[in-house]
Full PDB file with SEQRES, HELIX, SHEET, SSBOND, CRYST1, ORIGX, SCALE, CONECT and MASTER records, all heavy atoms in Angstrom:
SEQRES   1 A   34  ARG LEU SER ALA PHE ARG ALA THR LEU ALA ARG TYR PRO          
SEQRES   2 A   34  GLY LEU VAL ALA GLU ASN SER GLU VAL PRO LEU THR ASP          
SEQRES   3 A   34  ALA ALA LEU MET ASP ASN ALA LEU                              
HELIX    1 AA1 LEU A    2  LEU A    9  1                                   8    
HELIX    2 AA2 ALA A   27  ALA A   33  1                                   7    
CRYST1    1.000    1.000    1.000  90.00  90.00  90.00 P 1           1          
ORIGX1      1.000000  0.000000  0.000000        0.00000                         
ORIGX2      0.000000  1.000000  0.000000        0.00000                         
ORIGX3      0.000000  0.000000  1.000000        0.00000                         
SCALE1      1.000000  0.000000  0.000000        0.00000                         
SCALE2      0.000000  1.000000  0.000000        0.00000                         
SCALE3      0.000000  0.000000  1.000000        0.00000                         
ATOM      1  N   ARG A   1       0.942   4.950  -5.028  1.00  0.00           N  
ATOM      2  CA  ARG A   1       0.042   5.032  -6.138  1.00  0.00           C  
ATOM      3  C   ARG A   1       0.374   6.252  -7.016  1.00  0.00           C  
ATOM      4  O   ARG A   1       0.337   6.180  -8.211  1.00  0.00           O  
ATOM      5  CB  ARG A   1      -1.432   5.055  -5.644  1.00  0.00           C  
ATOM      6  CG  ARG A   1      -1.879   3.812  -4.989  1.00  0.00           C  
ATOM      7  CD  ARG A   1      -3.260   3.957  -4.269  1.00  0.00           C  
ATOM      8  NE  ARG A   1      -3.459   2.745  -3.482  1.00  0.00           N  
ATOM      9  CZ  ARG A   1      -4.536   2.493  -2.731  1.00  0.00           C  
ATOM     10  NH1 ARG A   1      -5.468   3.427  -2.573  1.00  0.00           N  
ATOM     11  NH2 ARG A   1      -4.678   1.288  -2.046  1.00  0.00           N  
ATOM     12  N   LEU A   2       0.717   7.343  -6.327  1.00  0.00           N  
ATOM     13  CA  LEU A   2       1.165   8.563  -7.042  1.00  0.00           C  
ATOM     14  C   LEU A   2       2.420   8.276  -7.853  1.00  0.00           C  
ATOM     15  O   LEU A   2       2.562   8.691  -9.020  1.00  0.00           O  
ATOM     16  CB  LEU A   2       1.284   9.741  -6.065  1.00  0.00           C  
ATOM     17  CG  LEU A   2       1.821  11.043  -6.752  1.00  0.00           C  
ATOM     18  CD1 LEU A   2       0.941  11.511  -7.859  1.00  0.00           C  
ATOM     19  CD2 LEU A   2       1.961  12.104  -5.649  1.00  0.00           C  
ATOM     20  N   SER A   3       3.389   7.622  -7.170  1.00  0.00           N  
ATOM     21  CA  SER A   3       4.672   7.354  -7.848  1.00  0.00           C  
ATOM     22  C   SER A   3       4.460   6.465  -9.086  1.00  0.00           C  
ATOM     23  O   SER A   3       5.077   6.731 -10.109  1.00  0.00           O  
ATOM     24  CB  SER A   3       5.599   6.664  -6.840  1.00  0.00           C  
ATOM     25  OG  SER A   3       6.832   6.341  -7.458  1.00  0.00           O  
ATOM     26  N   ALA A   4       3.584   5.416  -9.043  1.00  0.00           N  
ATOM     27  CA  ALA A   4       3.344   4.562 -10.140  1.00  0.00           C  
ATOM     28  C   ALA A   4       2.553   5.337 -11.272  1.00  0.00           C  
ATOM     29  O   ALA A   4       2.861   5.112 -12.464  1.00  0.00           O  
ATOM     30  CB  ALA A   4       2.520   3.396  -9.716  1.00  0.00           C  
ATOM     31  N   PHE A   5       1.718   6.194 -10.885  1.00  0.00           N  
ATOM     32  CA  PHE A   5       0.960   7.083 -11.844  1.00  0.00           C  
ATOM     33  C   PHE A   5       2.005   7.908 -12.593  1.00  0.00           C  
ATOM     34  O   PHE A   5       1.955   8.014 -13.831  1.00  0.00           O  
ATOM     35  CB  PHE A   5      -0.010   8.043 -11.124  1.00  0.00           C  
ATOM     36  CG  PHE A   5      -0.556   9.139 -11.844  1.00  0.00           C  
ATOM     37  CD1 PHE A   5      -1.572   8.876 -12.796  1.00  0.00           C  
ATOM     38  CD2 PHE A   5      -0.057  10.463 -11.653  1.00  0.00           C  
ATOM     39  CE1 PHE A   5      -2.145  10.028 -13.466  1.00  0.00           C  
ATOM     40  CE2 PHE A   5      -0.609  11.512 -12.415  1.00  0.00           C  
ATOM     41  CZ  PHE A   5      -1.662  11.288 -13.291  1.00  0.00           C  
ATOM     42  N   ARG A   6       2.918   8.563 -11.953  1.00  0.00           N  
ATOM     43  CA  ARG A   6       3.921   9.445 -12.525  1.00  0.00           C  
ATOM     44  C   ARG A   6       4.875   8.632 -13.439  1.00  0.00           C  
ATOM     45  O   ARG A   6       5.224   8.991 -14.589  1.00  0.00           O  
ATOM     46  CB  ARG A   6       4.768  10.153 -11.513  1.00  0.00           C  
ATOM     47  CG  ARG A   6       4.002  11.309 -10.820  1.00  0.00           C  
ATOM     48  CD  ARG A   6       4.808  11.803  -9.667  1.00  0.00           C  
ATOM     49  NE  ARG A   6       4.271  13.015  -9.077  1.00  0.00           N  
ATOM     50  CZ  ARG A   6       4.624  13.532  -7.880  1.00  0.00           C  
ATOM     51  NH1 ARG A   6       5.517  12.964  -7.227  1.00  0.00           N  
ATOM     52  NH2 ARG A   6       4.002  14.696  -7.401  1.00  0.00           N  
ATOM     53  N   ALA A   7       5.278   7.463 -12.916  1.00  0.00           N  
ATOM     54  CA  ALA A   7       6.219   6.589 -13.683  1.00  0.00           C  
ATOM     55  C   ALA A   7       5.617   6.109 -14.959  1.00  0.00           C  
ATOM     56  O   ALA A   7       6.227   6.077 -16.017  1.00  0.00           O  
ATOM     57  CB  ALA A   7       6.679   5.441 -12.903  1.00  0.00           C  
ATOM     58  N   THR A   8       4.325   5.797 -14.905  1.00  0.00           N  
ATOM     59  CA  THR A   8       3.649   5.337 -16.129  1.00  0.00           C  
ATOM     60  C   THR A   8       3.518   6.426 -17.189  1.00  0.00           C  
ATOM     61  O   THR A   8       3.831   6.185 -18.347  1.00  0.00           O  
ATOM     62  CB  THR A   8       2.179   4.880 -15.832  1.00  0.00           C  
ATOM     63  OG1 THR A   8       2.372   3.781 -14.835  1.00  0.00           O  
ATOM     64  CG2 THR A   8       1.498   4.239 -17.041  1.00  0.00           C  
ATOM     65  N   LEU A   9       3.089   7.591 -16.798  1.00  0.00           N  
ATOM     66  CA  LEU A   9       2.954   8.762 -17.683  1.00  0.00           C  
ATOM     67  C   LEU A   9       4.219   9.239 -18.207  1.00  0.00           C  
ATOM     68  O   LEU A   9       4.323   9.905 -19.215  1.00  0.00           O  
ATOM     69  CB  LEU A   9       2.124   9.828 -17.048  1.00  0.00           C  
ATOM     70  CG  LEU A   9       0.568   9.579 -16.961  1.00  0.00           C  
ATOM     71  CD1 LEU A   9      -0.068  10.515 -16.124  1.00  0.00           C  
ATOM     72  CD2 LEU A   9       0.034   9.634 -18.386  1.00  0.00           C  
ATOM     73  N   ALA A  10       5.338   9.058 -17.467  1.00  0.00           N  
ATOM     74  CA  ALA A  10       6.669   9.428 -17.940  1.00  0.00           C  
ATOM     75  C   ALA A  10       7.057   8.740 -19.247  1.00  0.00           C  
ATOM     76  O   ALA A  10       7.907   9.263 -20.000  1.00  0.00           O  
ATOM     77  CB  ALA A  10       7.699   9.156 -16.875  1.00  0.00           C  
ATOM     78  N   ARG A  11       6.428   7.602 -19.554  1.00  0.00           N  
ATOM     79  CA  ARG A  11       6.691   6.829 -20.748  1.00  0.00           C  
ATOM     80  C   ARG A  11       5.894   7.490 -21.915  1.00  0.00           C  
ATOM     81  O   ARG A  11       6.080   7.030 -23.093  1.00  0.00           O  
ATOM     82  CB  ARG A  11       6.363   5.398 -20.543  1.00  0.00           C  
ATOM     83  CG  ARG A  11       7.096   4.785 -19.485  1.00  0.00           C  
ATOM     84  CD  ARG A  11       7.027   3.184 -19.582  1.00  0.00           C  
ATOM     85  NE  ARG A  11       5.696   2.635 -19.567  1.00  0.00           N  
ATOM     86  CZ  ARG A  11       5.134   2.259 -18.358  1.00  0.00           C  
ATOM     87  NH1 ARG A  11       5.752   2.403 -17.292  1.00  0.00           N  
ATOM     88  NH2 ARG A  11       3.884   1.743 -18.396  1.00  0.00           N  
ATOM     89  N   TYR A  12       5.006   8.425 -21.607  1.00  0.00           N  
ATOM     90  CA  TYR A  12       4.163   8.979 -22.714  1.00  0.00           C  
ATOM     91  C   TYR A  12       4.382  10.567 -22.586  1.00  0.00           C  
ATOM     92  O   TYR A  12       3.521  11.260 -22.039  1.00  0.00           O  
ATOM     93  CB  TYR A  12       2.706   8.654 -22.472  1.00  0.00           C  
ATOM     94  CG  TYR A  12       2.453   7.147 -22.523  1.00  0.00           C  
ATOM     95  CD1 TYR A  12       2.583   6.416 -21.365  1.00  0.00           C  
ATOM     96  CD2 TYR A  12       2.094   6.534 -23.632  1.00  0.00           C  
ATOM     97  CE1 TYR A  12       2.304   5.009 -21.377  1.00  0.00           C  
ATOM     98  CE2 TYR A  12       1.882   5.173 -23.783  1.00  0.00           C  
ATOM     99  CZ  TYR A  12       1.983   4.393 -22.563  1.00  0.00           C  
ATOM    100  OH  TYR A  12       1.711   3.119 -22.608  1.00  0.00           O  
ATOM    101  N   PRO A  13       5.507  11.029 -23.123  1.00  0.00           N  
ATOM    102  CA  PRO A  13       5.792  12.511 -22.971  1.00  0.00           C  
ATOM    103  C   PRO A  13       4.842  13.519 -23.562  1.00  0.00           C  
ATOM    104  O   PRO A  13       4.744  14.644 -23.138  1.00  0.00           O  
ATOM    105  CB  PRO A  13       7.124  12.634 -23.683  1.00  0.00           C  
ATOM    106  CG  PRO A  13       7.209  11.414 -24.586  1.00  0.00           C  
ATOM    107  CD  PRO A  13       6.462  10.372 -23.845  1.00  0.00           C  
ATOM    108  N   GLY A  14       3.883  13.004 -24.390  1.00  0.00           N  
ATOM    109  CA  GLY A  14       2.893  13.877 -25.034  1.00  0.00           C  
ATOM    110  C   GLY A  14       1.682  14.135 -24.173  1.00  0.00           C  
ATOM    111  O   GLY A  14       0.800  14.984 -24.444  1.00  0.00           O  
ATOM    112  N   LEU A  15       1.549  13.399 -23.105  1.00  0.00           N  
ATOM    113  CA  LEU A  15       0.363  13.434 -22.186  1.00  0.00           C  
ATOM    114  C   LEU A  15       0.629  14.304 -20.996  1.00  0.00           C  
ATOM    115  O   LEU A  15       1.758  14.453 -20.567  1.00  0.00           O  
ATOM    116  CB  LEU A  15      -0.039  12.077 -21.746  1.00  0.00           C  
ATOM    117  CG  LEU A  15      -0.380  11.065 -22.973  1.00  0.00           C  
ATOM    118  CD1 LEU A  15      -0.866   9.705 -22.273  1.00  0.00           C  
ATOM    119  CD2 LEU A  15      -1.404  11.617 -23.873  1.00  0.00           C  
ATOM    120  N   VAL A  16      -0.427  14.870 -20.440  1.00  0.00           N  
ATOM    121  CA  VAL A  16      -0.302  15.721 -19.269  1.00  0.00           C  
ATOM    122  C   VAL A  16      -0.583  14.879 -18.007  1.00  0.00           C  
ATOM    123  O   VAL A  16      -1.568  14.206 -17.897  1.00  0.00           O  
ATOM    124  CB  VAL A  16      -1.431  16.887 -19.353  1.00  0.00           C  
ATOM    125  CG1 VAL A  16      -1.363  17.739 -18.085  1.00  0.00           C  
ATOM    126  CG2 VAL A  16      -1.147  17.778 -20.616  1.00  0.00           C  
ATOM    127  N   ALA A  17       0.342  15.091 -17.061  1.00  0.00           N  
ATOM    128  CA  ALA A  17       0.155  14.329 -15.761  1.00  0.00           C  
ATOM    129  C   ALA A  17       0.214  15.383 -14.640  1.00  0.00           C  
ATOM    130  O   ALA A  17       1.219  16.143 -14.466  1.00  0.00           O  
ATOM    131  CB  ALA A  17       1.297  13.351 -15.611  1.00  0.00           C  
ATOM    132  N   GLU A  18      -0.859  15.530 -13.846  1.00  0.00           N  
ATOM    133  CA  GLU A  18      -0.922  16.419 -12.741  1.00  0.00           C  
ATOM    134  C   GLU A  18      -1.418  15.697 -11.527  1.00  0.00           C  
ATOM    135  O   GLU A  18      -2.036  14.580 -11.622  1.00  0.00           O  
ATOM    136  CB  GLU A  18      -1.922  17.586 -13.086  1.00  0.00           C  
ATOM    137  CG  GLU A  18      -1.530  18.524 -14.247  1.00  0.00           C  
ATOM    138  CD  GLU A  18      -2.465  19.645 -14.394  1.00  0.00           C  
ATOM    139  OE1 GLU A  18      -3.363  19.690 -13.575  1.00  0.00           O  
ATOM    140  OE2 GLU A  18      -2.272  20.383 -15.366  1.00  0.00           O  
ATOM    141  N   ASN A  19      -1.096  16.164 -10.398  1.00  0.00           N  
ATOM    142  CA  ASN A  19      -1.642  15.653  -9.145  1.00  0.00           C  
ATOM    143  C   ASN A  19      -1.988  16.733  -8.150  1.00  0.00           C  
ATOM    144  O   ASN A  19      -1.417  17.849  -8.168  1.00  0.00           O  
ATOM    145  CB  ASN A  19      -0.649  14.672  -8.482  1.00  0.00           C  
ATOM    146  CG  ASN A  19       0.589  15.349  -7.902  1.00  0.00           C  
ATOM    147  OD1 ASN A  19       1.513  15.707  -8.678  1.00  0.00           O  
ATOM    148  ND2 ASN A  19       0.580  15.584  -6.566  1.00  0.00           N  
ATOM    149  N   SER A  20      -2.957  16.444  -7.313  1.00  0.00           N  
ATOM    150  CA  SER A  20      -3.486  17.502  -6.385  1.00  0.00           C  
ATOM    151  C   SER A  20      -3.827  16.765  -5.002  1.00  0.00           C  
ATOM    152  O   SER A  20      -4.339  15.619  -5.103  1.00  0.00           O  
ATOM    153  CB  SER A  20      -4.635  18.241  -6.900  1.00  0.00           C  
ATOM    154  OG  SER A  20      -5.056  19.256  -6.059  1.00  0.00           O  
ATOM    155  N   GLU A  21      -3.601  17.465  -3.937  1.00  0.00           N  
ATOM    156  CA  GLU A  21      -3.994  16.953  -2.573  1.00  0.00           C  
ATOM    157  C   GLU A  21      -5.045  17.711  -2.000  1.00  0.00           C  
ATOM    158  O   GLU A  21      -4.973  18.903  -1.847  1.00  0.00           O  
ATOM    159  CB  GLU A  21      -2.747  16.923  -1.733  1.00  0.00           C  
ATOM    160  CG  GLU A  21      -1.537  16.163  -2.183  1.00  0.00           C  
ATOM    161  CD  GLU A  21      -0.298  16.336  -1.362  1.00  0.00           C  
ATOM    162  OE1 GLU A  21      -0.475  16.495  -0.139  1.00  0.00           O  
ATOM    163  OE2 GLU A  21       0.797  16.353  -1.950  1.00  0.00           O  
ATOM    164  N   VAL A  22      -6.236  17.043  -1.683  1.00  0.00           N  
ATOM    165  CA  VAL A  22      -7.397  17.718  -1.124  1.00  0.00           C  
ATOM    166  C   VAL A  22      -7.911  16.928   0.086  1.00  0.00           C  
ATOM    167  O   VAL A  22      -8.210  15.821  -0.079  1.00  0.00           O  
ATOM    168  CB  VAL A  22      -8.426  17.838  -2.243  1.00  0.00           C  
ATOM    169  CG1 VAL A  22      -9.686  18.557  -1.651  1.00  0.00           C  
ATOM    170  CG2 VAL A  22      -8.000  18.532  -3.469  1.00  0.00           C  
ATOM    171  N   PRO A  23      -8.089  17.587   1.190  1.00  0.00           N  
ATOM    172  CA  PRO A  23      -8.737  17.013   2.345  1.00  0.00           C  
ATOM    173  C   PRO A  23     -10.172  16.587   2.075  1.00  0.00           C  
ATOM    174  O   PRO A  23     -10.884  17.244   1.302  1.00  0.00           O  
ATOM    175  CB  PRO A  23      -8.684  18.055   3.425  1.00  0.00           C  
ATOM    176  CG  PRO A  23      -7.623  18.942   3.007  1.00  0.00           C  
ATOM    177  CD  PRO A  23      -7.615  19.016   1.565  1.00  0.00           C  
ATOM    178  N   LEU A  24     -10.659  15.443   2.571  1.00  0.00           N  
ATOM    179  CA  LEU A  24     -12.014  14.922   2.371  1.00  0.00           C  
ATOM    180  C   LEU A  24     -13.050  16.010   2.652  1.00  0.00           C  
ATOM    181  O   LEU A  24     -14.037  16.047   1.936  1.00  0.00           O  
ATOM    182  CB  LEU A  24     -12.260  13.728   3.123  1.00  0.00           C  
ATOM    183  CG  LEU A  24     -11.854  12.364   2.537  1.00  0.00           C  
ATOM    184  CD1 LEU A  24     -12.201  11.255   3.494  1.00  0.00           C  
ATOM    185  CD2 LEU A  24     -12.488  12.130   1.116  1.00  0.00           C  
ATOM    186  N   THR A  25     -12.820  16.861   3.685  1.00  0.00           N  
ATOM    187  CA  THR A  25     -13.892  17.707   4.103  1.00  0.00           C  
ATOM    188  C   THR A  25     -13.835  19.099   3.454  1.00  0.00           C  
ATOM    189  O   THR A  25     -14.697  19.938   3.772  1.00  0.00           O  
ATOM    190  CB  THR A  25     -13.740  17.840   5.603  1.00  0.00           C  
ATOM    191  OG1 THR A  25     -12.425  18.316   5.974  1.00  0.00           O  
ATOM    192  CG2 THR A  25     -14.011  16.562   6.347  1.00  0.00           C  
ATOM    193  N   ASP A  26     -12.899  19.317   2.582  1.00  0.00           N  
ATOM    194  CA  ASP A  26     -12.745  20.661   1.945  1.00  0.00           C  
ATOM    195  C   ASP A  26     -13.432  20.713   0.610  1.00  0.00           C  
ATOM    196  O   ASP A  26     -12.807  20.606  -0.360  1.00  0.00           O  
ATOM    197  CB  ASP A  26     -11.288  21.058   1.836  1.00  0.00           C  
ATOM    198  CG  ASP A  26     -11.129  22.578   1.658  1.00  0.00           C  
ATOM    199  OD1 ASP A  26     -11.963  23.179   1.051  1.00  0.00           O  
ATOM    200  OD2 ASP A  26     -10.126  23.080   2.052  1.00  0.00           O  
ATOM    201  N   ALA A  27     -14.770  20.835   0.611  1.00  0.00           N  
ATOM    202  CA  ALA A  27     -15.558  20.831  -0.628  1.00  0.00           C  
ATOM    203  C   ALA A  27     -15.119  21.947  -1.599  1.00  0.00           C  
ATOM    204  O   ALA A  27     -15.058  21.720  -2.807  1.00  0.00           O  
ATOM    205  CB  ALA A  27     -17.036  20.854  -0.365  1.00  0.00           C  
ATOM    206  N   ALA A  28     -14.864  23.149  -1.066  1.00  0.00           N  
ATOM    207  CA  ALA A  28     -14.507  24.291  -1.881  1.00  0.00           C  
ATOM    208  C   ALA A  28     -13.154  24.088  -2.594  1.00  0.00           C  
ATOM    209  O   ALA A  28     -13.031  24.345  -3.823  1.00  0.00           O  
ATOM    210  CB  ALA A  28     -14.444  25.555  -1.041  1.00  0.00           C  
ATOM    211  N   LEU A  29     -12.185  23.506  -1.929  1.00  0.00           N  
ATOM    212  CA  LEU A  29     -10.958  23.276  -2.528  1.00  0.00           C  
ATOM    213  C   LEU A  29     -11.084  22.140  -3.555  1.00  0.00           C  
ATOM    214  O   LEU A  29     -10.412  22.219  -4.705  1.00  0.00           O  
ATOM    215  CB  LEU A  29      -9.866  22.830  -1.450  1.00  0.00           C  
ATOM    216  CG  LEU A  29      -8.486  22.602  -1.947  1.00  0.00           C  
ATOM    217  CD1 LEU A  29      -7.926  23.868  -2.582  1.00  0.00           C  
ATOM    218  CD2 LEU A  29      -7.605  22.090  -0.758  1.00  0.00           C  
ATOM    219  N   MET A  30     -11.878  21.172  -3.258  1.00  0.00           N  
ATOM    220  CA  MET A  30     -12.109  20.125  -4.253  1.00  0.00           C  
ATOM    221  C   MET A  30     -12.756  20.628  -5.511  1.00  0.00           C  
ATOM    222  O   MET A  30     -12.326  20.400  -6.689  1.00  0.00           O  
ATOM    223  CB  MET A  30     -13.050  19.010  -3.682  1.00  0.00           C  
ATOM    224  CG  MET A  30     -13.443  17.944  -4.593  1.00  0.00           C  
ATOM    225  SD  MET A  30     -12.169  16.657  -4.819  1.00  0.00           S  
ATOM    226  CE  MET A  30     -12.336  15.810  -3.308  1.00  0.00           C  
ATOM    227  N   ASP A  31     -13.782  21.504  -5.380  1.00  0.00           N  
ATOM    228  CA  ASP A  31     -14.395  22.131  -6.553  1.00  0.00           C  
ATOM    229  C   ASP A  31     -13.472  22.927  -7.338  1.00  0.00           C  
ATOM    230  O   ASP A  31     -13.414  22.832  -8.604  1.00  0.00           O  
ATOM    231  CB  ASP A  31     -15.563  23.008  -6.113  1.00  0.00           C  
ATOM    232  CG  ASP A  31     -16.747  22.258  -5.497  1.00  0.00           C  
ATOM    233  OD1 ASP A  31     -16.706  21.047  -5.531  1.00  0.00           O  
ATOM    234  OD2 ASP A  31     -17.666  22.892  -4.950  1.00  0.00           O  
ATOM    235  N   ASN A  32     -12.643  23.657  -6.703  1.00  0.00           N  
ATOM    236  CA  ASN A  32     -11.654  24.559  -7.354  1.00  0.00           C  
ATOM    237  C   ASN A  32     -10.625  23.664  -8.112  1.00  0.00           C  
ATOM    238  O   ASN A  32     -10.246  24.009  -9.265  1.00  0.00           O  
ATOM    239  CB  ASN A  32     -10.972  25.454  -6.327  1.00  0.00           C  
ATOM    240  CG  ASN A  32     -10.194  26.586  -7.039  1.00  0.00           C  
ATOM    241  OD1 ASN A  32     -10.674  27.288  -7.931  1.00  0.00           O  
ATOM    242  ND2 ASN A  32      -8.902  26.778  -6.653  1.00  0.00           N  
ATOM    243  N   ALA A  33     -10.108  22.629  -7.518  1.00  0.00           N  
ATOM    244  CA  ALA A  33      -9.100  21.792  -8.184  1.00  0.00           C  
ATOM    245  C   ALA A  33      -9.688  21.191  -9.423  1.00  0.00           C  
ATOM    246  O   ALA A  33      -8.946  21.167 -10.433  1.00  0.00           O  
ATOM    247  CB  ALA A  33      -8.619  20.775  -7.215  1.00  0.00           C  
ATOM    248  N   LEU A  34     -10.883  20.625  -9.332  1.00  0.00           N  
ATOM    249  CA  LEU A  34     -11.427  20.036 -10.473  1.00  0.00           C  
ATOM    250  C   LEU A  34     -11.848  21.030 -11.611  1.00  0.00           C  
ATOM    251  O   LEU A  34     -11.601  20.811 -12.843  1.00  0.00           O  
ATOM    252  CB  LEU A  34     -12.704  19.256 -10.169  1.00  0.00           C  
ATOM    253  CG  LEU A  34     -12.426  18.005  -9.311  1.00  0.00           C  
ATOM    254  CD1 LEU A  34     -13.712  17.373  -8.744  1.00  0.00           C  
ATOM    255  CD2 LEU A  34     -11.661  16.920 -10.065  1.00  0.00           C  
TER     256      LEU A  34                                                      
MASTER        0    0    0    2    0    0    0    6  255    1    0    3          
END                                                                             
């Protein structure tokens, strides 16, 4: 799913594409990432 996300956005160079990995139980890390 991440690979397809990146491949799709690669066709739109003006847009920002980011990804982040967060464990389900780490609420603080989730808050910080968002």
